[in-house]
PDB file of N, CA and C in Angstrom:
ATOM      1  N   UNK A   1     -16.750   0.333   2.155  1.00  0.00           N
ATOM      2  CA  UNK A   1     -15.641   1.211   2.653  1.00  0.00           C
ATOM      3  C   UNK A   1     -14.639   0.207   3.593  1.00  0.00           C
ATOM      4  N   UNK A   2     -13.861   0.378   2.995  1.00  0.00           N
ATOM      5  CA  UNK A   2     -12.381  -0.469   3.644  1.00  0.00           C
ATOM      6  C   UNK A   2     -11.383  -0.079   4.820  1.00  0.00           C
ATOM      7  N   UNK A   3     -10.641  -0.516   5.448  1.00  0.00           N
ATOM      8  CA  UNK A   3      -9.914   0.260   6.407  1.00  0.00           C
ATOM      9  C   UNK A   3      -8.570  -0.612   5.896  1.00  0.00           C
ATOM     10  N   UNK A   4      -7.514   0.284   5.492  1.00  0.00           N
ATOM     11  CA  UNK A   4      -6.358  -0.862   5.084  1.00  0.00           C
ATOM     12  C   UNK A   4      -5.170   0.052   6.281  1.00  0.00           C
ATOM     13  N   UNK A   5      -4.420  -0.615   7.089  1.00  0.00           N
ATOM     14  CA  UNK A   5      -3.012   0.338   7.820  1.00  0.00           C
ATOM     15  C   UNK A   5      -2.661   0.583   6.767  1.00  0.00           C
ATOM     16  N   UNK A   6      -1.627   1.892   6.969  1.00  0.00           N
ATOM     17  CA  UNK A   6      -0.713   2.737   6.187  1.00  0.00           C
ATOM     18  C   UNK A   6       0.727   1.044   6.759  1.00  0.00           C
ATOM     19  N   UNK A   7       1.383   0.657   5.635  1.00  0.00           N
ATOM     20  CA  UNK A   7       2.040  -0.361   5.247  1.00  0.00           C
ATOM     21  C   UNK A   7       1.894  -1.295   4.661  1.00  0.00           C
ATOM     22  N   UNK A   8       0.475  -1.778   4.557  1.00  0.00           N
ATOM     23  CA  UNK A   8      -0.230  -2.765   4.055  1.00  0.00           C
ATOM     24  C   UNK A   8       0.435  -2.870   2.475  1.00  0.00           C
ATOM     25  N   UNK A   9       0.688  -4.345   2.477  1.00  0.00           N
ATOM     26  CA  UNK A   9       1.123  -4.635   0.884  1.00  0.00           C
ATOM     27  C   UNK A   9      -0.020  -4.895  -0.070  1.00  0.00           C
ATOM     28  N   UNK A  10      -0.113  -4.446  -1.443  1.00  0.00           N
ATOM     29  CA  UNK A  10      -1.103  -4.740  -1.806  1.00  0.00           C
ATOM     30  C   UNK A  10      -1.101  -5.177  -3.740  1.00  0.00           C
ATOM     31  N   UNK A  11      -1.864  -5.958  -4.326  1.00  0.00           N
ATOM     32  CA  UNK A  11      -1.754  -6.277  -5.690  1.00  0.00           C
ATOM     33  C   UNK A  11      -2.665  -5.761  -5.816  1.00  0.00           C
ATOM     34  N   UNK A  12      -2.755  -4.773  -6.929  1.00  0.00           N
ATOM     35  CA  UNK A  12      -3.567  -4.369  -7.988  1.00  0.00           C
ATOM     36  C   UNK A  12      -3.875  -5.252  -9.369  1.00  0.00           C
ATOM     37  N   UNK A  13      -4.760  -5.638  -9.851  1.00  0.00           N
ATOM     38  CA  UNK A  13      -5.035  -6.567 -11.325  1.00  0.00           C
ATOM     39  C   UNK A  13      -5.531  -5.669 -11.869  1.00  0.00           C
ATOM     40  N   UNK A  14      -5.699  -5.417 -13.764  1.00  0.00           N
ATOM     41  CA  UNK A  14      -6.315  -5.242 -14.194  1.00  0.00           C
ATOM     42  C   UNK A  14      -6.832  -3.047 -13.814  1.00  0.00           C
ATOM     43  N   UNK A  15      -5.470  -3.009 -14.082  1.00  0.00           N
ATOM     44  CA  UNK A  15      -5.131  -1.743 -13.814  1.00  0.00           C
ATOM     45  C   UNK A  15      -5.486  -0.783 -15.302  1.00  0.00           C
ATOM     46  N   UNK A  16      -6.762   0.043 -15.163  1.00  0.00           N
ATOM     47  CA  UNK A  16      -6.408   0.326 -16.466  1.00  0.00           C
ATOM     48  C   UNK A  16      -5.614   1.180 -17.101  1.00  0.00           C
ATOM     49  N   UNK A  17      -5.680   1.323 -18.670  1.00  0.00           N
ATOM     50  CA  UNK A  17      -4.264   1.848 -19.506  1.00  0.00           C
ATOM     51  C   UNK A  17      -4.079   3.402 -18.987  1.00  0.00           C
ATOM     52  N   UNK A  18      -5.347   3.931 -18.552  1.00  0.00           N
ATOM     53  CA  UNK A  18      -5.017   5.728 -18.438  1.00  0.00           C
ATOM     54  C   UNK A  18      -4.015   5.893 -16.995  1.00  0.00           C
ATOM     55  N   UNK A  19      -4.329   4.935 -16.390  1.00  0.00           N
ATOM     56  CA  UNK A  19      -3.827   4.752 -14.897  1.00  0.00           C
ATOM     57  C   UNK A  19      -2.432   4.212 -15.167  1.00  0.00           C
ATOM     58  N   UNK A  20      -2.399   3.100 -16.020  1.00  0.00           N
ATOM     59  CA  UNK A  20      -1.066   2.865 -16.577  1.00  0.00           C
ATOM     60  C   UNK A  20       0.161   3.656 -17.452  1.00  0.00           C
ATOM     61  N   UNK A  21      -0.539   4.187 -17.734  1.00  0.00           N
ATOM     62  CA  UNK A  21       0.709   5.255 -18.665  1.00  0.00           C
ATOM     63  C   UNK A  21       0.321   6.293 -17.429  1.00  0.00           C
ATOM     64  N   UNK A  22      -0.019   6.644 -17.236  1.00  0.00           N
ATOM     65  CA  UNK A  22       0.166   8.260 -16.106  1.00  0.00           C
ATOM     66  C   UNK A  22       1.230   7.592 -14.698  1.00  0.00           C
ATOM     67  N   UNK A  23       1.102   6.429 -14.526  1.00  0.00           N
ATOM     68  CA  UNK A  23       2.268   6.159 -13.591  1.00  0.00           C
ATOM     69  C   UNK A  23       3.336   5.008 -14.494  1.00  0.00           C
ATOM     70  N   UNK A  24       3.081   4.896 -15.319  1.00  0.00           N
ATOM     71  CA  UNK A  24       3.948   3.996 -15.920  1.00  0.00           C
ATOM     72  C   UNK A  24       4.326   2.583 -15.015  1.00  0.00           C
ATOM     73  N   UNK A  25       3.006   2.231 -15.268  1.00  0.00           N
ATOM     74  CA  UNK A  25       2.401  -0.024 -14.496  1.00  0.00           C
ATOM     75  C   UNK A  25       1.897  -0.261 -15.754  1.00  0.00           C
ATOM     76  N   UNK A  26       2.401  -1.923 -15.321  1.00  0.00           N
ATOM     77  CA  UNK A  26       2.094  -2.798 -16.083  1.00  0.00           C
ATOM     78  C   UNK A  26       0.386  -3.132 -15.503  1.00  0.00           C
ATOM     79  N   UNK A  27      -0.675  -3.827 -16.158  1.00  0.00           N
ATOM     80  CA  UNK A  27      -1.482  -4.107 -16.104  1.00  0.00           C
ATOM     81  C   UNK A  27      -1.510  -4.645 -14.609  1.00  0.00           C
ATOM     82  N   UNK A  28      -0.829  -5.436 -13.620  1.00  0.00           N
ATOM     83  CA  UNK A  28      -0.837  -6.043 -12.248  1.00  0.00           C
ATOM     84  C   UNK A  28       0.053  -5.369 -12.087  1.00  0.00           C
ATOM     85  N   UNK A  29       0.348  -4.898 -10.228  1.00  0.00           N
ATOM     86  CA  UNK A  29       1.122  -4.456  -9.978  1.00  0.00           C
ATOM     87  C   UNK A  29       1.162  -4.488  -7.927  1.00  0.00           C
ATOM     88  N   UNK A  30       1.875  -4.664  -7.695  1.00  0.00           N
ATOM     89  CA  UNK A  30       2.365  -4.384  -5.992  1.00  0.00           C
ATOM     90  C   UNK A  30       2.266  -2.935  -5.695  1.00  0.00           C
ATOM     91  N   UNK A  31       2.115  -2.441  -4.615  1.00  0.00           N
ATOM     92  CA  UNK A  31       1.951  -1.619  -3.926  1.00  0.00           C
ATOM     93  C   UNK A  31       2.274  -1.555  -2.646  1.00  0.00           C
ATOM     94  N   UNK A  32       2.468  -0.442  -1.676  1.00  0.00           N
ATOM     95  CA  UNK A  32       2.533  -0.414  -0.453  1.00  0.00           C
ATOM     96  C   UNK A  32       1.326   1.194  -0.242  1.00  0.00           C
ATOM     97  N   UNK A  33       0.115   0.815   0.330  1.00  0.00           N
ATOM     98  CA  UNK A  33      -0.453   1.368   1.092  1.00  0.00           C
ATOM     99  C   UNK A  33       0.131   2.901   1.731  1.00  0.00           C
ATOM    100  N   UNK A  34      -0.131   3.863   1.644  1.00  0.00           N
ATOM    101  CA  UNK A  34       1.041   5.178   2.450  1.00  0.00           C
ATOM    102  C   UNK A  34      -0.402   5.892   2.847  1.00  0.00           C
ATOM    103  N   UNK A  35      -0.630   6.677   3.947  1.00  0.00           N
ATOM    104  CA  UNK A  35      -0.758   7.688   4.735  1.00  0.00           C
ATOM    105  C   UNK A  35       0.296   9.002   4.351  1.00  0.00           C
ATOM    106  N   UNK A  36      -0.320   9.878   3.197  1.00  0.00           N
ATOM    107  CA  UNK A  36       0.265  11.055   2.799  1.00  0.00           C
ATOM    108  C   UNK A  36       0.594  12.452   3.805  1.00  0.00           C
ATOM    109  N   UNK A  37      -0.665  12.403   4.821  1.00  0.00           N
ATOM    110  CA  UNK A  37      -0.282  13.464   5.703  1.00  0.00           C
ATOM    111  C   UNK A  37      -1.969  12.905   6.631  1.00  0.00           C
ATOM    112  N   UNK A  38      -1.674  13.608   7.842  1.00  0.00           N
ATOM    113  CA  UNK A  38      -3.006  13.432   8.614  1.00  0.00           C
ATOM    114  C   UNK A  38      -3.591  14.704   8.964  1.00  0.00           C
ATOM    115  N   UNK A  39      -4.149  15.595   7.846  1.00  0.00           N
ATOM    116  CA  UNK A  39      -4.299  16.666   7.819  1.00  0.00           C
ATOM    117  C   UNK A  39      -6.457  16.246   7.468  1.00  0.00           C
ATOM    118  N   UNK A  40      -7.463  16.919   7.864  1.00  0.00           N
ATOM    119  CA  UNK A  40      -8.969  16.529   8.191  1.00  0.00           C
ATOM    120  C   UNK A  40      -9.317  16.932   7.013  1.00  0.00           C
ATOM    121  N   UNK A  41     -10.148  15.960   5.973  1.00  0.00           N
ATOM    122  CA  UNK A  41     -11.446  17.063   5.297  1.00  0.00           C
ATOM    123  C   UNK A  41     -10.117  17.213   3.740  1.00  0.00           C
ATOM    124  N   UNK A  42      -9.155  16.177   3.284  1.00  0.00           N
ATOM    125  CA  UNK A  42      -8.405  16.316   2.297  1.00  0.00           C
ATOM    126  C   UNK A  42      -8.121  14.651   1.843  1.00  0.00           C
ATOM    127  N   UNK A  43      -8.045  14.671   0.747  1.00  0.00           N
ATOM    128  CA  UNK A  43      -7.237  13.175   0.585  1.00  0.00           C
ATOM    129  C   UNK A  43      -5.887  12.833   0.912  1.00  0.00           C
ATOM    130  N   UNK A  44      -5.582  12.429   1.535  1.00  0.00           N
ATOM    131  CA  UNK A  44      -4.054  11.421   2.354  1.00  0.00           C
ATOM    132  C   UNK A  44      -3.924  10.413   1.898  1.00  0.00           C
ATOM    133  N   UNK A  45      -5.046   9.771   1.240  1.00  0.00           N
ATOM    134  CA  UNK A  45      -3.921   8.331   1.201  1.00  0.00           C
ATOM    135  C   UNK A  45      -3.463   7.925  -0.093  1.00  0.00           C
ATOM    136  N   UNK A  46      -2.391   7.189  -0.573  1.00  0.00           N
ATOM    137  CA  UNK A  46      -1.688   7.072  -1.939  1.00  0.00           C
ATOM    138  C   UNK A  46      -1.345   5.248  -1.741  1.00  0.00           C
ATOM    139  N   UNK A  47      -0.817   5.089  -3.121  1.00  0.00           N
ATOM    140  CA  UNK A  47      -0.317   3.648  -3.425  1.00  0.00           C
ATOM    141  C   UNK A  47       1.109   4.152  -3.858  1.00  0.00           C
ATOM    142  N   UNK A  48       2.071   3.385  -3.113  1.00  0.00           N
ATOM    143  CA  UNK A  48       3.531   3.561  -3.657  1.00  0.00           C
ATOM    144  C   UNK A  48       3.629   2.407  -4.259  1.00  0.00           C
ATOM    145  N   UNK A  49       4.493   2.715  -5.516  1.00  0.00           N
ATOM    146  CA  UNK A  49       4.897   1.143  -6.183  1.00  0.00           C
ATOM    147  C   UNK A  49       5.779   1.066  -6.328  1.00  0.00           C
ATOM    148  N   UNK A  50       6.148   0.139  -7.215  1.00  0.00           N
ATOM    149  CA  UNK A  50       7.802  -0.327  -6.548  1.00  0.00           C
ATOM    150  C   UNK A  50       8.764   0.340  -7.640  1.00  0.00           C
ATOM    151  N   UNK A  51       8.132   1.060  -8.204  1.00  0.00           N
ATOM    152  CA  UNK A  51       8.794   2.018  -9.613  1.00  0.00           C
ATOM    153  C   UNK A  51       9.003   3.357  -8.829  1.00  0.00           C
ATOM    154  N   UNK A  52       8.798   3.331  -7.132  1.00  0.00           N
ATOM    155  CA  UNK A  52       8.875   4.525  -7.093  1.00  0.00           C
ATOM    156  C   UNK A  52       7.826   5.587  -7.614  1.00  0.00           C
ATOM    157  N   UNK A  53       6.936   5.608  -8.457  1.00  0.00           N
ATOM    158  CA  UNK A  53       5.350   6.091  -8.292  1.00  0.00           C
ATOM    159  C   UNK A  53       4.455   6.299  -7.225  1.00  0.00           C
ATOM    160  N   UNK A  54       4.139   7.257  -6.563  1.00  0.00           N
ATOM    161  CA  UNK A  54       3.172   7.257  -5.522  1.00  0.00           C
ATOM    162  C   UNK A  54       2.304   8.056  -6.535  1.00  0.00           C
ATOM    163  N   UNK A  55       0.705   6.880  -6.419  1.00  0.00           N
ATOM    164  CA  UNK A  55      -0.631   7.630  -6.957  1.00  0.00           C
ATOM    165  C   UNK A  55      -1.751   7.876  -5.946  1.00  0.00           C
ATOM    166  N   UNK A  56      -2.248   8.741  -5.699  1.00  0.00           N
ATOM    167  CA  UNK A  56      -3.644   9.021  -4.923  1.00  0.00           C
ATOM    168  C   UNK A  56      -4.214   8.024  -5.350  1.00  0.00           C
ATOM    169  N   UNK A  57      -4.765   7.473  -4.172  1.00  0.00           N
ATOM    170  CA  UNK A  57      -6.142   6.462  -3.969  1.00  0.00           C
ATOM    171  C   UNK A  57      -7.137   6.886  -4.894  1.00  0.00           C
ATOM    172  N   UNK A  58      -7.306   7.974  -4.735  1.00  0.00           N
ATOM    173  CA  UNK A  58      -8.921   8.759  -4.995  1.00  0.00           C
ATOM    174  C   UNK A  58      -8.887   8.429  -7.458  1.00  0.00           C
ATOM    175  N   UNK A  59      -7.602   8.628  -7.029  1.00  0.00           N
ATOM    176  CA  UNK A  59      -7.601   8.300  -9.060  1.00  0.00           C
ATOM    177  C   UNK A  59      -7.526   6.595  -9.402  1.00  0.00           C
ATOM    178  N   UNK A  60      -7.537   5.588  -8.681  1.00  0.00           N
ATOM    179  CA  UNK A  60      -8.259   4.489  -8.787  1.00  0.00           C
ATOM    180  C   UNK A  60      -9.396   4.391  -9.385  1.00  0.00           C
ATOM    181  N   UNK A  61      -9.970   3.897  -9.852  1.00  0.00           N
ATOM    182  CA  UNK A  61     -11.317   3.884 -10.855  1.00  0.00           C
ATOM    183  C   UNK A  61     -12.213   2.943  -9.609  1.00  0.00           C
ATOM    184  N   UNK A  62     -13.220   2.895  -9.913  1.00  0.00           N
ATOM    185  CA  UNK A  62     -14.366   2.388  -9.329  1.00  0.00           C
ATOM    186  C   UNK A  62     -14.032   0.792  -9.724  1.00  0.00           C
ATOM    187  N   UNK A  63     -14.634   0.062  -8.673  1.00  0.00           N
ATOM    188  CA  UNK A  63     -14.475  -1.234  -8.161  1.00  0.00           C
ATOM    189  C   UNK A  63     -13.059  -2.050  -8.793  1.00  0.00           C
ATOM    190  N   UNK A  64     -11.880  -1.118  -9.200  1.00  0.00           N
ATOM    191  CA  UNK A  64     -10.487  -1.838  -9.032  1.00  0.00           C
ATOM    192  C   UNK A  64     -10.366  -2.941  -8.053  1.00  0.00           C
ATOM    193  N   UNK A  65     -10.045  -3.589  -8.756  1.00  0.00           N
ATOM    194  CA  UNK A  65      -9.675  -5.302  -8.047  1.00  0.00           C
ATOM    195  C   UNK A  65      -7.965  -5.067  -6.967  1.00  0.00           C
ATOM    196  N   UNK A  66      -8.128  -5.254  -5.818  1.00  0.00           N
ATOM    197  CA  UNK A  66      -6.889  -5.300  -4.731  1.00  0.00           C
ATOM    198  C   UNK A  66      -7.252  -6.431  -3.881  1.00  0.00           C
ATOM    199  N   UNK A  67      -5.863  -6.752  -4.411  1.00  0.00           N
ATOM    200  CA  UNK A  67      -5.821  -8.277  -2.984  1.00  0.00           C
ATOM    201  C   UNK A  67      -4.563  -7.869  -2.141  1.00  0.00           C
ATOM    202  N   UNK A  68      -5.238  -7.717  -1.111  1.00  0.00           N
ATOM    203  CA  UNK A  68      -4.242  -7.653   0.394  1.00  0.00           C
ATOM    204  C   UNK A  68      -3.008  -8.459   0.459  1.00  0.00           C
ATOM    205  N   UNK A  69      -1.968  -8.657   0.828  1.00  0.00           N
ATOM    206  CA  UNK A  69      -0.708  -9.475   0.613  1.00  0.00           C
ATOM    207  C   UNK A  69      -0.393  -9.221   2.309  1.00  0.00           C
ATOM    208  N   UNK A  70      -0.295  -8.199   2.587  1.00  0.00           N
ATOM    209  CA  UNK A  70      -0.179  -8.586   4.033  1.00  0.00           C
ATOM    210  C   UNK A  70      -0.304  -7.251   4.540  1.00  0.00           C
ATOM    211  N   UNK A  71      -0.910  -7.333   5.645  1.00  0.00           N
ATOM    212  CA  UNK A  71      -1.271  -5.930   6.567  1.00  0.00           C
ATOM    213  C   UNK A  71      -0.394  -5.082   7.279  1.00  0.00           C
ATOM    214  N   UNK A  72       0.972  -5.440   7.237  1.00  0.00           N
ATOM    215  CA  UNK A  72       2.052  -4.747   7.883  1.00  0.00           C
ATOM    216  C   UNK A  72       3.139  -4.882   7.089  1.00  0.00           C
ATOM    217  N   UNK A  73       4.067  -3.819   7.494  1.00  0.00           N
ATOM    218  CA  UNK A  73       4.707  -3.366   6.649  1.00  0.00           C
ATOM    219  C   UNK A  73       6.197  -4.705   6.944  1.00  0.00           C
ATOM    220  N   UNK A  74       7.145  -4.620   6.211  1.00  0.00           N
ATOM    221  CA  UNK A  74       8.097  -5.780   6.651  1.00  0.00           C
ATOM    222  C   UNK A  74       8.836  -5.294   8.207  1.00  0.00           C
ATOM    223  N   UNK A  75       8.951  -3.806   8.087  1.00  0.00           N
ATOM    224  CA  UNK A  75       9.407  -3.646   9.346  1.00  0.00           C
ATOM    225  C   UNK A  75       8.892  -3.877  10.267  1.00  0.00           C
ATOM    226  N   UNK A  76       7.304  -3.599  10.056  1.00  0.00           N
ATOM    227  CA  UNK A  76       6.917  -3.698  11.748  1.00  0.00           C
ATOM    228  C   UNK A  76       6.945  -5.247  11.888  1.00  0.00           C
ATOM    229  N   UNK A  77       7.024  -6.403  10.788  1.00  0.00           N
ATOM    230  CA  UNK A  77       7.307  -7.645  11.169  1.00  0.00           C
ATOM    231  C   UNK A  77       8.698  -7.997  11.725  1.00  0.00           C
ATOM    232  N   UNK A  78       9.667  -7.295  10.923  1.00  0.00           N
ATOM    233  CA  UNK A  78      11.442  -7.351  11.646  1.00  0.00           C
ATOM    234  C   UNK A  78      11.050  -6.755  13.201  1.00  0.00           C
ATOM    235  N   UNK A  79      10.435  -5.945  13.122  1.00  0.00           N
ATOM    236  CA  UNK A  79      10.566  -5.435  14.964  1.00  0.00           C
ATOM    237  C   UNK A  79       9.474  -6.127  16.161  1.00  0.00           C
ATOM    238  N   UNK A  80       8.529  -6.822  15.471  1.00  0.00           N
ATOM    239  CA  UNK A  80       7.698  -7.668  16.032  1.00  0.00           C
ATOM    240  C   UNK A  80       8.846  -9.434  16.592  1.00  0.00           C
ATOM    241  N   UNK A  81       9.685  -9.569  15.570  1.00  0.00           N
ATOM    242  CA  UNK A  81      10.453 -10.589  15.814  1.00  0.00           C
ATOM    243  C   UNK A  81      11.720 -10.260  16.983  1.00  0.00           C
ATOM    244  N   UNK A  82      11.851  -9.497  16.514  1.00  0.00           N
ATOM    245  CA  UNK A  82      12.926  -8.553  17.453  1.00  0.00           C
ATOM    246  C   UNK A  82      12.505  -8.680  18.687  1.00  0.00           C
ATOM    247  N   UNK A  83      11.135  -8.183  19.264  1.00  0.00           N
ATOM    248  CA  UNK A  83      10.839  -8.038  20.671  1.00  0.00           C
ATOM    249  C   UNK A  83      10.712  -9.905  21.093  1.00  0.00           C
ATOM    250  N   UNK A  84      10.294 -10.369  20.461  1.00  0.00           N
ATOM    251  CA  UNK A  84      10.001 -11.801  20.975  1.00  0.00           C
ATOM    252  C   UNK A  84      11.551 -12.396  20.765  1.00  0.00           C
ATOM    253  N   UNK A  85      12.671 -12.336  20.261  1.00  0.00           N
ATOM    254  CA  UNK A  85      14.124 -12.791  20.660  1.00  0.00           C
ATOM    255  C   UNK A  85      14.281 -11.968  21.992  1.00  0.00           C
ATOM    256  N   UNK A  86      14.209 -10.789  22.325  1.00  0.00           N
ATOM    257  CA  UNK A  86      14.372 -10.971  23.405  1.00  0.00           C
ATOM    258  C   UNK A  86      13.452 -11.167  24.427  1.00  0.00           C
ATOM    259  N   UNK A  87      12.528 -11.304  24.420  1.00  0.00           N
ATOM    260  CA  UNK A  87      11.589 -11.563  25.582  1.00  0.00           C
ATOM    261  C   UNK A  87      12.153 -13.359  26.001  1.00  0.00           C
ATOM    262  N   UNK A  88      12.475 -13.693  24.591  1.00  0.00           N
ATOM    263  CA  UNK A  88      12.876 -15.399  25.051  1.00  0.00           C
ATOM    264  C   UNK A  88      14.375 -15.328  25.349  1.00  0.00           C
ATOM    265  N   UNK A  89      15.135 -14.330  25.547  1.00  0.00           N
ATOM    266  CA  UNK A  89      16.896 -14.317  26.231  1.00  0.00           C
ATOM    267  C   UNK A  89      16.614 -13.758  27.622  1.00  0.00           C
ATOM    268  N   UNK A  90      15.042 -13.248  27.975  1.00  0.00           N
ATOM    269  CA  UNK A  90      14.805 -12.517  29.708  1.00  0.00           C
ATOM    270  C   UNK A  90      14.654 -13.881  30.297  1.00  0.00           C
TER     271      UNK A  90
END
């Protein structure tokens, strides 16, 4: 079990044919990890691909290769940089 925060950027390699066909993907893709709901006792995590496809995480095959590219969203990075700039001005 791994905990990935919403907004994390991932690269998936070796996607299976059925998954690629269902979501119009290539054998490797980058995606953003998102939480679709905060409701308990239901599947709520998904991958948002650059082609706008949204794939529920439970559809990924067991042992799917995933590389974490970035743990936060670009907006988080930009917000942190803005806070640093403001702090330096004070």
